[in-house]
Amino acid sequence: MSRMIKLLPGLSAAAAALLLASGCATTEMGAISSELEEVRQQAARAQETADEANAKAEAALNAANEAKELANRAEGIAKATQFQLERNAKQQEEMFKRSMYK
């Protein structure tokens, strides 16, 4: 019994140290948990921003493709017009030459 009495203060001190350590660990876990939640929110905001940027890039690409298509059509029309103008100029020149020989 006297041996148990001698061990009691040591066991009490050890138990107190364990309780204190577990209390500190619980506090640290709460801090870590809140930091983790903040990081998750930041990641979610970053993902939203990336999604918006991706959507804008897609829209810009579509607009660029439409502009390229319009430019190609305009180039085709310009070439056809140039061909017709040259043809008309040749016809007028031939008509002028014929009229001069009459």
Protein backbone atom coordinates (compact mmCIF):
# COMPACT_ATOMS: atom_id res chain seq x y z
CA MET A 1 0.00 0.00 0.00
CA SER A 2 2.78 2.44 0.80
CA ARG A 3 4.23 1.60 -2.56
CA MET A 4 0.95 2.61 -4.24
CA ILE A 5 0.94 5.83 -2.28
CA LYS A 6 4.42 6.58 -3.54
CA LEU A 7 3.37 5.85 -7.16
CA LEU A 8 0.20 7.94 -6.94
CA PRO A 9 1.85 11.39 -7.39
CA GLY A 10 3.89 10.14 -10.35
CA LEU A 11 0.85 8.57 -11.99
CA SER A 12 -1.17 11.71 -11.35
CA ALA A 13 1.53 13.84 -12.95
CA ALA A 14 1.70 11.54 -15.96
CA ALA A 15 -2.08 11.55 -16.30
CA ALA A 16 -2.13 15.34 -16.07
CA ALA A 17 0.57 15.59 -18.75
CA LEU A 18 -1.40 13.28 -21.06
CA LEU A 19 -4.58 15.28 -20.57
CA LEU A 20 -2.73 18.53 -21.24
CA ALA A 21 -1.12 17.06 -24.37
CA SER A 22 -4.43 15.77 -25.65
CA GLY A 23 -6.01 19.19 -25.03
CA CYS A 24 -3.24 20.89 -27.00
CA ALA A 25 -3.57 18.33 -29.77
CA THR A 26 -7.31 18.99 -29.94
CA THR A 27 -6.65 22.74 -30.21
CA GLU A 28 -4.06 22.16 -32.94
CA MET A 29 -6.44 19.85 -34.79
CA GLY A 30 -9.09 22.58 -34.71
CA ALA A 31 -6.62 25.12 -36.12
CA ILE A 32 -5.47 22.69 -38.79
CA SER A 33 -9.06 21.90 -39.68
CA SER A 34 -9.93 25.56 -40.14
CA GLU A 35 -6.78 26.14 -42.22
CA LEU A 36 -7.68 23.13 -44.34
CA GLU A 37 -11.17 24.53 -44.92
CA GLU A 38 -9.69 27.89 -45.94
CA VAL A 39 -7.36 26.16 -48.41
CA ARG A 40 -10.31 24.23 -49.84
CA GLN A 41 -12.25 27.47 -50.32
CA GLN A 42 -9.27 29.10 -52.02
CA ALA A 43 -8.92 26.08 -54.30
CA ALA A 44 -12.63 26.26 -55.17
CA ARG A 45 -12.31 29.97 -56.02
CA ALA A 46 -9.22 29.26 -58.12
CA GLN A 47 -11.11 26.52 -59.98
CA GLU A 48 -14.01 28.90 -60.65
CA THR A 49 -11.60 31.50 -61.99
CA ALA A 50 -9.91 28.89 -64.19
CA ASP A 51 -13.30 27.71 -65.50
CA GLU A 52 -14.29 31.30 -66.35
CA ALA A 53 -10.96 31.87 -68.10
CA ASN A 54 -11.41 28.66 -70.07
CA ALA A 55 -14.90 29.70 -71.16
CA LYS A 56 -13.61 33.11 -72.27
CA ALA A 57 -10.76 31.48 -74.17
CA GLU A 58 -13.21 29.18 -75.94
CA ALA A 59 -15.39 32.15 -76.88
CA ALA A 60 -12.35 34.03 -78.18
CA LEU A 61 -11.28 31.01 -80.23
CA ASN A 62 -14.77 30.70 -81.73
CA ALA A 63 -14.77 34.41 -82.60
CA ALA A 64 -11.33 34.09 -84.18
CA ASN A 65 -12.45 31.11 -86.24
CA GLU A 66 -15.52 33.01 -87.45
CA ALA A 67 -13.35 36.00 -88.34
CA LYS A 68 -10.98 33.74 -90.27
CA GLU A 69 -13.90 32.21 -92.15
CA LEU A 70 -15.22 35.67 -93.04
CA ALA A 71 -11.76 36.77 -94.15
CA ASN A 72 -11.45 33.71 -96.38
CA ARG A 73 -14.84 34.45 -97.94
CA ALA A 74 -13.88 38.09 -98.47
CA GLU A 75 -10.63 37.01 -100.10
CA GLY A 76 -12.55 34.73 -102.46
CA ILE A 77 -14.94 37.52 -103.37
CA ALA A 78 -12.04 39.92 -103.92
CA LYS A 79 -10.28 37.44 -106.22
CA ALA A 80 -13.47 36.82 -108.20
CA THR A 81 -14.03 40.57 -108.51
CA GLN A 82 -10.45 41.11 -109.66
CA PHE A 83 -10.83 38.36 -112.25
CA GLN A 84 -14.06 39.90 -113.54
CA LEU A 85 -12.49 43.37 -113.69
CA GLU A 86 -9.55 42.07 -115.70
CA ARG A 87 -11.92 40.21 -118.01
CA ASN A 88 -14.04 43.33 -118.51
CA ALA A 89 -10.92 45.39 -119.20
CA LYS A 90 -9.83 42.90 -121.89
CA GLN A 91 -13.29 42.94 -123.45
CA GLN A 92 -13.32 46.73 -123.52
CA GLU A 93 -9.88 46.79 -125.08
CA GLU A 94 -10.98 44.31 -127.75
CA MET A 95 -14.12 46.33 -128.43
CA PHE A 96 -12.05 49.50 -128.72
CA LYS A 97 -9.65 47.85 -131.15
CA ARG A 98 -12.58 46.55 -133.27
CA SER A 99 -14.14 49.96 -133.32
CA MET A 100 -10.85 51.51 -134.47
CA TYR A 101 -10.58 49.10 -137.43
CA LYS A 102 -14.04 49.85 -138.72
